[in-house]
């Protein structure tokens, strides 16, 4: 099968060069690994009381290529930089989107910006979701909290390249209805024939009016009928949710080669030099952020 990436002339996974200092980098990045490119913010919109959606437009002359699940380093002068996951699919060209939570001084500075403000961008970095492994599979796309931001890039890819995949189910959990990201996207996915989208929240305040399911994300898995031999699960979310979701998936017959996890919260420098993202012998920003659960067994990340 000719992939959606190949139709759109995207590079395949694993196109790497070895720099002299021993760090493996994607050859598509080049100088962008160290030197930020300057972009203007095109639009900013509220996602929740704590998260905003930022969009920057990529000029036609810029050959920016990324894979679903990769991240960039965004910088603000005087405040530093931070790793941020790309939340739109590479099939949707001409722009990049980022869901950014106000969590510190840098993200606070970003939240004070307006359309037209300048930011720096390095990347993209890391290995994203292995689309080759996901093709011709039933997919369980599972996100908790802000984990929907990087997973959205894969969801959009699946939507744009629908004939490459079998049944696609989206399971998403958040603390409260106010904390649900991409509410308009969620509504569209729930109405779409492309996806079976199920949502759950931990808590609902009295008289809120929310009519959906209340509980914890792993509770969405037991009712599912899963053909384990041709199903792959993708997990993105807070680390504390992973053991419970993995346990529920194993009870459905999925082995560790069919469970893909993103450790995107471990990102720091993006090029394997700072050591902050080390997981035993892995550099998460280079070997990940997306891993097969099989490859993490025996490391300090228990899964």
Foldseek 3Di string as FASTA:
>chain_A
DQAPCVVVVHDAPDQWDADPVGFIWHPVQPPLLPFWDKWFWAFWADFFPFKIKTKTFDDPVDPDDDAQAWWKWKADPPQGIDIFAFQAARVDHGMTMTIAGPDDDGSVVVVPDGGGDMMTIGDRFFDGDNVVVQFAFEEEEEEEQPQNRSSNRVVNSCVVRVVRHDAYEYFYEYAEPSRDGPVVVLVVQVVDPSYPYAYEHADYDPPPPDDHHHHDRLVVQVVDQDPQVRYAYEYTYDLVCVVSNVVSVVVNVHDQQRYKYFPVVQDDSLGQDPPSQDWPPDRCSYNHSIDRSVVNPPTPSPD
